Amino acid sequence: MPTSRPPRPSQLALSALDALSGAVLLVDASRRVVGLTPALEAQLDAAVREGTPLSEVLVPQGGAERLETVLATGRETTARLRSHAVRVRAVALEKEGWALTVTREPTAKSTEGAEVFHGLWTQDAELRRVFRIVEKVARAESSVLVRGESGTGKEHIAHALHALSTRGKGPLRAINCAALPPNLLESELFGHVRGAFTGAVRDSPGHFRLAHGGSLFLDEVAELPLDLQAKMLRVLETRTVIPVGGRAPVPVDVRIIAATHRALRREVEAGRFRADLMYRLRVVPIFLPTLRERRGDILPLALRFLGELHQRGTRRVEKIAPGARRLLESHGWPGNVRELRNVMEYAYVIGEGAVLREADLPPEFSEAKNAPADSVTLSPKEAGPLDAQRVRAALARAGGNRSEAARLLGVSRVTLWRRLRALGEATR
């Protein structure tokens, strides 16, 4: 009497399995292929027909005997899937066969150019080019202006510039110019003498003097008030500081590394920043790419962050489901790498099991997925004037990308910029 074979899985079942577990190979009790998910098909160099012996598709390290051990124990092992290396684990399906989950191992091609540079990891050619610029600039004494959105790694670059310079053994002081009110910021930068103001019960040296012989990192330098900009210019020109309430100038030997997410030239045009100070700070400009400009880094970084979280927690995430991968890769990432790290921590805490799924991601990901395609895009006649709410909604949906926001609004990028300027947000 012929042995009955297990039913062939439907395409719907394979798609559901693909969404839940990614690359999966289904084999029957006689070790022959009965189905595979779309994610696995995408990894293969050629199609696998139903009935193909498993040994022709998958070759574990150790050969046929090792394959039987994998099927019997379910332990993870390395193997060859046609032409590339994978990690495989078998799950028994009662007496009907097995489901083998397959995770592609990094290959020489996929990791080529990967680099960790003073806390920044990337495979992106543009960011690696920035690293080489930093190495060259670090050897000079020129002032550097690091330009990049929030979360792109401006502070890491500042630390690299200091560590690689001849001042590396000296102090590195950092101050966020947007975090303090003007009167306190002046005291923090230049110091004060006792009695200079209420509460000044003792002399304070200030960041410039504390950074003597080293470097001073001025984060969000575009937020400096105009009166402090004039005093900052004097310090850079004379190499001396006068503490608040003091009279005698104090010599300082400091290299300035400044950072901003704004275009200083536009700030100068708007009258919010001194041109002479800009030229002093912007001797060597360094531009950091956004995460949405280096999309090849998104998933590797996500997995790195999940690995770091595993070191501190109990959950071990081994893969990201295809649906979650698509959401991560298509997200605008206005908060860049810092936002990605936070999203991974959220997903790690909220989810369960070895697979990170769509439902584990923060609410804004499901909102973006379910948003109507025409929620922002309207014809000019239907939309009326470009009010602030529509402009901000388009920018949010585009993750801050103005070209994409202009497309969603049905206007040119110049028109969008003019509207942003009228709203006072052109340089934000």
Protein backbone atom coordinates (compact mmCIF):
# COMPACT_ATOMS: atom_id res chain seq x y z
CA MET A 1 0.00 0.00 0.00
CA PRO A 2 1.59 3.32 -1.05
CA THR A 3 2.66 5.67 1.72
CA SER A 4 0.48 8.79 1.87
CA ARG A 5 2.37 12.03 1.43
CA PRO A 6 1.67 15.15 3.48
CA PRO A 7 -0.54 17.73 1.76
CA ARG A 8 1.28 20.36 -0.29
CA PRO A 9 1.22 23.72 1.58
CA SER A 10 -0.86 26.40 -0.05
CA GLN A 11 0.65 29.68 -1.24
CA LEU A 12 -1.36 31.47 1.44
CA ALA A 13 0.14 29.25 4.14
CA LEU A 14 3.65 29.85 2.79
CA SER A 15 3.07 33.61 2.73
CA ALA A 16 1.85 33.50 6.34
CA LEU A 17 4.89 31.45 7.34
CA ASP A 18 7.10 33.93 5.49
CA ALA A 19 5.63 36.85 7.47
CA LEU A 20 6.12 35.05 10.78
CA SER A 21 9.49 33.36 10.36
CA GLY A 22 11.10 34.51 7.12
CA ALA A 23 13.17 31.95 5.20
CA VAL A 24 11.72 28.46 5.84
CA LEU A 25 12.16 25.16 3.99
CA LEU A 26 9.49 22.48 4.43
CA VAL A 27 10.48 18.81 3.97
CA ASP A 28 8.49 15.61 4.36
CA ALA A 29 9.36 12.47 6.32
CA SER A 30 11.35 11.12 3.36
CA ARG A 31 13.63 14.21 3.44
CA ARG A 32 12.22 15.73 0.25
CA VAL A 33 11.22 19.37 -0.32
CA VAL A 34 7.47 20.05 -0.20
CA GLY A 35 7.59 23.85 -0.08
CA LEU A 36 9.57 26.97 0.71
CA THR A 37 8.71 30.55 1.64
CA PRO A 38 9.25 33.55 -0.68
CA ALA A 39 12.03 34.83 1.60
CA LEU A 40 13.96 31.60 1.06
CA GLU A 41 13.30 31.60 -2.68
CA ALA A 42 14.93 35.04 -2.84
CA GLN A 43 18.13 33.59 -1.34
CA LEU A 44 18.47 30.76 -3.85
CA ASP A 45 20.36 31.00 -7.11
CA ALA A 46 17.92 28.64 -8.84
CA ALA A 47 14.41 27.34 -8.25
CA VAL A 48 13.89 24.27 -6.04
CA ARG A 49 11.28 21.86 -7.30
CA GLU A 50 8.93 19.92 -5.07
CA GLY A 51 10.35 16.47 -4.39
CA THR A 52 14.01 17.54 -4.55
CA PRO A 53 16.09 15.64 -1.95
CA LEU A 54 17.02 17.83 0.99
CA SER A 55 20.66 16.74 0.66
CA GLU A 56 20.80 18.44 -2.78
CA VAL A 57 19.65 21.76 -1.33
CA LEU A 58 21.16 21.89 2.13
CA VAL A 59 24.57 20.54 3.17
CA PRO A 60 25.36 20.95 6.89
CA GLN A 61 28.95 21.01 8.06
CA GLY A 62 29.68 17.35 8.78
CA GLY A 63 27.69 15.96 5.85
CA ALA A 64 24.68 13.61 5.82
CA GLU A 65 25.20 12.33 9.37
CA ARG A 66 25.16 15.88 10.68
CA LEU A 67 21.94 16.53 8.76
CA GLU A 68 20.21 13.66 10.57
CA THR A 69 21.42 15.02 13.92
CA VAL A 70 19.98 18.45 13.09
CA LEU A 71 16.60 16.91 12.21
CA ALA A 72 16.58 14.75 15.33
CA THR A 73 17.68 17.37 17.89
CA GLY A 74 16.59 20.70 16.37
CA ARG A 75 19.95 22.22 17.26
CA GLU A 76 21.19 25.13 15.16
CA THR A 77 24.14 24.49 12.87
CA THR A 78 25.97 26.05 9.95
CA ALA A 79 25.38 24.71 6.45
CA ARG A 80 25.61 25.47 2.75
CA LEU A 81 22.38 26.43 1.01
CA ARG A 82 23.26 25.90 -2.64
CA SER A 83 26.03 28.52 -3.00
CA HIS A 84 26.14 30.43 0.28
CA ALA A 85 26.57 29.89 4.01
CA VAL A 86 23.55 29.80 6.33
CA ARG A 87 22.56 28.87 9.85
CA VAL A 88 19.75 26.34 10.03
CA ARG A 89 17.46 24.95 12.73
CA ALA A 90 14.87 22.17 12.33
CA VAL A 91 11.41 22.04 13.92
CA ALA A 92 9.68 18.65 13.79
CA LEU A 93 6.11 18.64 12.37
CA GLU A 94 4.88 15.51 14.21
CA LYS A 95 5.33 12.61 11.79
CA GLU A 96 4.87 14.62 8.60
CA GLY A 97 8.33 16.15 8.30
CA TRP A 98 10.20 19.26 9.35
CA ALA A 99 10.26 23.02 8.96
CA LEU A 100 13.84 24.29 8.65
CA THR A 101 14.38 27.97 9.46
CA VAL A 102 17.27 29.42 7.50
CA THR A 103 19.32 32.52 8.37
CA ARG A 104 21.86 33.73 5.88
CA GLU A 105 25.37 34.13 7.27
CA PRO A 106 27.23 37.38 6.48
CA THR A 107 29.41 36.87 3.42
CA ALA A 108 32.60 38.60 2.42
CA LYS A 109 30.59 40.70 0.00
CA SER A 110 27.95 41.78 2.55
CA THR A 111 30.53 42.78 5.17
CA GLU A 112 33.00 44.37 2.79
CA GLY A 113 33.80 47.87 3.97
CA ALA A 114 32.13 47.49 7.36
CA GLU A 115 33.95 49.68 9.86
CA VAL A 116 33.72 50.76 13.47
CA PHE A 117 35.15 54.24 13.87
CA HIS A 118 35.18 55.71 17.39
CA GLY A 119 31.77 54.27 18.20
CA LEU A 120 30.21 54.68 14.73
CA TRP A 121 29.49 51.51 12.70
CA THR A 122 28.82 51.58 8.97
CA GLN A 123 29.11 49.80 5.64
CA ASP A 124 28.22 53.00 3.77
CA ALA A 125 30.90 54.34 1.43
CA GLU A 126 29.98 57.99 2.06
CA LEU A 127 30.26 57.73 5.84
CA ARG A 128 33.54 55.82 5.52
CA ARG A 129 34.78 58.69 3.33
CA VAL A 130 33.88 61.06 6.18
CA PHE A 131 35.99 58.91 8.53
CA ARG A 132 39.01 59.40 6.27
CA ILE A 133 38.44 63.17 6.25
CA VAL A 134 38.27 63.16 10.04
CA GLU A 135 41.60 61.32 10.23
CA LYS A 136 43.24 63.97 8.02
CA VAL A 137 41.64 66.97 9.73
CA ALA A 138 42.47 65.67 13.21
CA ARG A 139 46.18 66.21 12.54
CA ALA A 140 45.65 69.93 11.90
CA GLU A 141 44.71 72.72 14.30
CA SER A 142 41.92 74.13 12.11
CA SER A 143 38.48 74.77 13.55
CA VAL A 144 35.95 72.17 12.41
CA LEU A 145 32.18 72.51 11.94
CA VAL A 146 30.33 69.18 11.96
CA ARG A 147 26.96 69.41 10.23
CA GLY A 148 24.31 66.72 10.60
CA GLU A 149 20.81 65.97 11.77
CA SER A 150 20.09 64.92 15.33
CA GLY A 151 21.26 61.36 15.96
CA THR A 152 23.78 61.14 13.10
CA GLY A 153 26.82 60.95 15.40
CA LYS A 154 28.16 64.52 15.62
CA GLU A 155 29.47 63.99 19.15
CA HIS A 156 31.24 60.77 18.11
CA ILE A 157 33.01 62.71 15.36
CA ALA A 158 34.03 65.41 17.85
CA HIS A 159 35.53 62.78 20.14
CA ALA A 160 37.37 61.22 17.18
CA LEU A 161 38.80 64.59 16.10
CA HIS A 162 40.11 65.15 19.61
CA ALA A 163 41.41 61.61 20.22
CA LEU A 164 43.31 61.47 16.91
CA SER A 165 44.86 64.92 17.31
CA THR A 166 48.07 65.99 19.04
CA ARG A 167 45.77 67.31 21.78
CA GLY A 168 44.42 63.83 22.46
CA LYS A 169 46.08 63.64 25.88
CA GLY A 170 44.61 66.99 26.87
CA PRO A 171 41.06 67.67 28.08
CA LEU A 172 37.96 67.55 25.90
CA ARG A 173 35.14 69.74 27.17
CA ALA A 174 31.64 69.72 25.66
CA ILE A 175 28.73 72.10 26.05
CA ASN A 176 25.30 72.18 24.38
CA CYS A 177 24.65 75.79 23.42
CA ALA A 178 20.89 75.14 23.19
CA ALA A 179 20.56 73.64 26.65
CA LEU A 180 21.25 76.73 28.79
CA PRO A 181 19.76 80.25 29.06
CA PRO A 182 22.03 83.04 27.69
CA ASN A 183 23.19 84.39 31.07
CA LEU A 184 24.16 80.95 32.36
CA LEU A 185 25.69 79.94 29.01
CA GLU A 186 28.07 82.92 29.11
CA SER A 187 29.26 81.95 32.59
CA GLU A 188 29.65 78.30 31.59
CA LEU A 189 31.74 79.23 28.57
CA PHE A 190 33.91 82.06 29.86
CA GLY A 191 33.76 81.56 33.63
CA HIS A 192 32.95 84.17 36.28
CA VAL A 193 34.51 85.81 39.30
CA ARG A 194 33.11 85.69 42.81
CA GLY A 195 30.34 88.23 43.30
CA ALA A 196 29.72 88.72 39.58
CA PHE A 197 26.03 87.92 40.10
CA THR A 198 23.72 86.54 42.73
CA GLY A 199 24.87 83.06 43.65
CA ALA A 200 28.45 83.52 42.39
CA VAL A 201 30.04 82.62 45.74
CA ARG A 202 33.35 81.55 44.24
CA ASP A 203 35.39 81.93 41.06
CA SER A 204 34.55 79.56 38.19
CA PRO A 205 37.01 78.93 35.32
CA GLY A 206 34.45 78.11 32.56
CA HIS A 207 34.76 75.59 29.73
CA PHE A 208 37.34 77.53 27.70
CA ARG A 209 39.86 77.55 30.56
CA LEU A 210 39.02 73.96 31.55
CA ALA A 211 39.76 72.90 27.95
CA HIS A 212 43.18 74.62 27.94
CA GLY A 213 45.64 72.46 26.01
CA GLY A 214 42.81 70.37 24.56
CA SER A 215 39.57 70.76 22.61
CA LEU A 216 36.20 72.42 23.21
CA PHE A 217 33.11 70.90 21.57
CA LEU A 218 30.33 73.45 21.00
CA ASP A 219 27.22 71.44 20.18
CA GLU A 220 24.26 73.23 18.52
CA VAL A 221 26.43 76.30 18.00
CA ALA A 222 23.75 77.93 15.82
CA GLU A 223 21.73 78.50 18.99
CA LEU A 224 24.27 80.97 20.42
CA PRO A 225 22.61 84.38 21.09
CA LEU A 226 24.01 87.23 18.99
CA ASP A 227 25.63 89.04 21.94
CA LEU A 228 27.46 85.85 22.93
CA GLN A 229 28.50 85.35 19.33
CA ALA A 230 30.38 88.67 19.50
CA LYS A 231 32.18 87.58 22.68
CA MET A 232 32.95 84.19 21.16
CA LEU A 233 34.50 85.90 18.13
CA ARG A 234 36.71 87.98 20.41
CA VAL A 235 37.93 84.85 22.20
CA LEU A 236 38.82 83.16 18.91
CA GLU A 237 40.65 86.27 17.64
CA THR A 238 42.59 87.12 20.81
CA ARG A 239 42.99 83.63 22.30
CA THR A 240 41.93 85.06 25.64
CA VAL A 241 38.76 85.02 27.74
CA ILE A 242 37.43 87.58 30.17
CA PRO A 243 35.30 85.95 32.90
CA VAL A 244 31.89 87.42 33.70
CA GLY A 245 32.50 90.22 36.22
CA GLY A 246 36.22 90.22 35.52
CA ARG A 247 38.50 92.66 33.75
CA ALA A 248 41.79 90.91 33.07
CA PRO A 249 41.95 88.68 29.97
CA VAL A 250 43.13 85.10 30.57
CA PRO A 251 45.10 83.31 27.80
CA VAL A 252 43.59 80.05 26.52
CA ASP A 253 44.93 77.42 24.10
CA VAL A 254 41.91 75.55 22.77
CA ARG A 255 40.88 73.94 19.50
CA ILE A 256 37.22 74.56 18.63
CA ILE A 257 35.04 71.76 17.27
CA ALA A 258 31.51 73.01 16.62
CA ALA A 259 28.39 71.14 15.51
CA THR A 260 24.94 72.10 14.28
CA HIS A 261 21.94 70.62 12.50
CA ARG A 262 21.29 73.95 10.77
CA ALA A 263 22.91 75.55 7.73
CA LEU A 264 24.97 78.43 9.16
CA ARG A 265 24.96 80.26 5.83
CA ARG A 266 21.16 80.41 5.94
CA GLU A 267 21.33 81.55 9.56
CA VAL A 268 23.65 84.36 8.44
CA GLU A 269 21.25 85.32 5.63
CA ALA A 270 18.40 85.41 8.16
CA GLY A 271 20.41 87.67 10.47
CA ARG A 272 20.58 85.11 13.26
CA PHE A 273 24.29 84.37 13.03
CA ARG A 274 27.36 86.52 12.51
CA ALA A 275 29.14 85.95 9.21
CA ASP A 276 32.58 86.67 10.73
CA LEU A 277 32.03 84.03 13.42
CA MET A 278 30.78 81.53 10.85
CA TYR A 279 34.01 81.88 8.88
CA ARG A 280 36.03 81.36 12.06
CA LEU A 281 34.15 78.18 12.96
CA ARG A 282 33.62 76.78 9.48
CA VAL A 283 37.25 76.45 8.40
CA VAL A 284 36.76 72.74 7.71
CA PRO A 285 33.11 71.67 7.32
CA ILE A 286 32.24 67.97 7.74
CA PHE A 287 28.82 66.75 6.63
CA LEU A 288 27.36 63.57 8.13
CA PRO A 289 24.89 61.55 6.01
CA THR A 290 21.47 60.72 7.48
CA LEU A 291 20.39 57.15 8.16
CA ARG A 292 17.84 57.31 5.33
CA GLU A 293 20.77 58.08 3.00
CA ARG A 294 22.57 54.91 4.16
CA ARG A 295 19.68 52.43 4.13
CA GLY A 296 22.06 49.50 3.78
CA ASP A 297 23.10 50.16 7.39
CA ILE A 298 19.58 50.00 8.87
CA LEU A 299 19.14 46.23 9.33
CA PRO A 300 22.77 45.47 10.32
CA LEU A 301 22.63 48.26 12.90
CA ALA A 302 19.28 46.99 14.17
CA LEU A 303 20.74 43.52 14.69
CA ARG A 304 23.80 44.97 16.43
CA PHE A 305 21.58 46.90 18.84
CA LEU A 306 19.50 43.77 19.50
CA GLY A 307 22.70 41.88 20.26
CA GLU A 308 23.74 44.56 22.75
CA LEU A 309 20.31 44.36 24.41
CA HIS A 310 20.64 40.58 24.71
CA GLN A 311 23.82 41.08 26.72
CA ARG A 312 21.77 42.96 29.34
CA GLY A 313 18.45 41.10 29.08
CA THR A 314 17.02 37.61 28.76
CA ARG A 315 15.43 37.72 25.31
CA ARG A 316 17.50 36.62 22.32
CA VAL A 317 16.29 37.96 18.97
CA GLU A 318 17.79 35.90 16.17
CA LYS A 319 16.03 37.38 13.18
CA ILE A 320 13.70 40.14 12.04
CA ALA A 321 10.54 39.04 10.24
CA PRO A 322 10.20 40.17 6.60
CA GLY A 323 7.29 42.51 7.35
CA ALA A 324 9.22 44.21 10.14
CA ARG A 325 12.28 44.47 7.89
CA ARG A 326 10.25 46.25 5.22
CA LEU A 327 8.88 48.74 7.76
CA LEU A 328 12.33 49.45 9.17
CA GLU A 329 13.87 49.92 5.73
CA SER A 330 11.10 52.24 4.50
CA HIS A 331 10.90 54.40 7.64
CA GLY A 332 12.12 58.01 7.31
CA TRP A 333 14.26 57.92 10.51
CA PRO A 334 14.12 61.63 11.40
CA GLY A 335 16.00 60.75 14.61
CA ASN A 336 18.59 58.73 12.67
CA VAL A 337 20.74 56.13 14.49
CA ARG A 338 19.61 57.33 17.93
CA GLU A 339 15.99 56.73 16.91
CA LEU A 340 16.84 53.29 15.53
CA ARG A 341 18.49 52.33 18.81
CA ASN A 342 15.40 53.44 20.74
CA VAL A 343 13.07 51.57 18.38
CA MET A 344 15.07 48.37 18.85
CA GLU A 345 14.95 48.75 22.63
CA TYR A 346 11.17 49.22 22.46
CA ALA A 347 10.75 46.17 20.23
CA TYR A 348 13.06 44.09 22.43
CA VAL A 349 11.05 44.90 25.56
CA ILE A 350 7.57 44.65 24.04
CA GLY A 351 8.03 41.52 21.92
CA GLU A 352 8.65 37.89 22.81
CA GLY A 353 10.57 35.04 21.26
CA ALA A 354 13.44 34.81 18.80
CA VAL A 355 11.76 36.72 15.95
CA LEU A 356 11.15 40.48 15.97
CA ARG A 357 7.77 41.05 14.29
CA GLU A 358 5.81 44.03 12.99
CA ALA A 359 3.68 44.09 16.13
CA ASP A 360 6.80 44.61 18.25
CA LEU A 361 7.57 47.96 16.62
CA PRO A 362 6.34 51.28 18.08
CA PRO A 363 2.82 52.51 17.18
CA GLU A 364 4.00 55.00 14.56
CA PHE A 365 5.12 52.12 12.33
CA SER A 366 1.65 50.58 12.19
CA GLU A 367 0.14 54.05 11.73
CA ALA A 368 2.41 54.69 8.76
CA LYS A 369 1.57 51.29 7.29
CA ASN A 370 -2.19 51.80 7.63
CA ALA A 371 -2.27 55.46 6.55
CA PRO A 372 -4.28 56.04 3.33
CA ALA A 373 -2.08 56.62 0.32
CA ASP A 374 -3.78 59.97 -0.35
CA SER A 375 -3.73 61.20 3.27
CA VAL A 376 -1.26 63.93 2.32
CA THR A 377 -1.14 63.99 -1.46
CA LEU A 378 -3.89 66.24 -2.78
CA SER A 379 -4.27 68.21 -5.96
CA PRO A 380 -3.59 71.96 -5.59
CA LYS A 381 -7.27 72.71 -6.24
CA GLU A 382 -8.39 70.28 -3.51
CA ALA A 383 -5.64 71.21 -1.07
CA GLY A 384 -5.93 74.98 -1.06
CA PRO A 385 -3.01 76.98 0.42
CA LEU A 386 -0.01 75.27 1.95
CA ASP A 387 -1.02 75.71 5.57
CA ALA A 388 1.44 74.87 8.33
CA GLN A 389 -0.41 71.71 9.37
CA ARG A 390 -0.26 70.15 5.90
CA VAL A 391 3.39 71.09 5.44
CA ARG A 392 4.39 69.58 8.78
CA ALA A 393 2.33 66.45 8.12
CA ALA A 394 4.07 65.95 4.77
CA LEU A 395 7.50 66.48 6.31
CA ALA A 396 6.69 64.02 9.09
CA ARG A 397 5.50 61.40 6.62
CA ALA A 398 8.63 61.95 4.50
CA GLY A 399 10.87 61.64 7.54
CA GLY A 400 12.17 65.18 7.06
CA ASN A 401 13.12 64.65 3.41
CA ARG A 402 12.02 67.86 1.69
CA SER A 403 12.11 66.48 -1.84
CA GLU A 404 9.75 63.67 -0.84
CA ALA A 405 7.55 66.09 1.16
CA ALA A 406 7.28 68.36 -1.89
CA ARG A 407 6.23 65.38 -4.01
CA LEU A 408 3.54 64.43 -1.49
CA LEU A 409 2.22 67.99 -1.49
CA GLY A 410 2.27 68.21 -5.27
CA VAL A 411 4.58 71.24 -5.36
CA SER A 412 8.18 71.93 -6.30
CA ARG A 413 10.95 71.81 -3.73
CA VAL A 414 11.47 75.58 -4.19
CA THR A 415 7.80 76.23 -3.43
CA LEU A 416 8.04 74.13 -0.30
CA TRP A 417 11.19 75.95 0.81
CA ARG A 418 9.50 79.33 0.31
CA ARG A 419 6.55 78.20 2.39
CA LEU A 420 8.87 76.93 5.13
CA ARG A 421 10.69 80.25 5.09
CA ALA A 422 7.39 82.08 5.47
CA LEU A 423 6.60 79.83 8.43
CA GLY A 424 10.03 80.53 9.93
CA GLU A 425 11.11 76.90 9.54
CA ALA A 426 13.26 76.98 6.40
CA THR A 427 16.48 76.22 8.30
CA ARG A 428 15.12 73.78 10.84
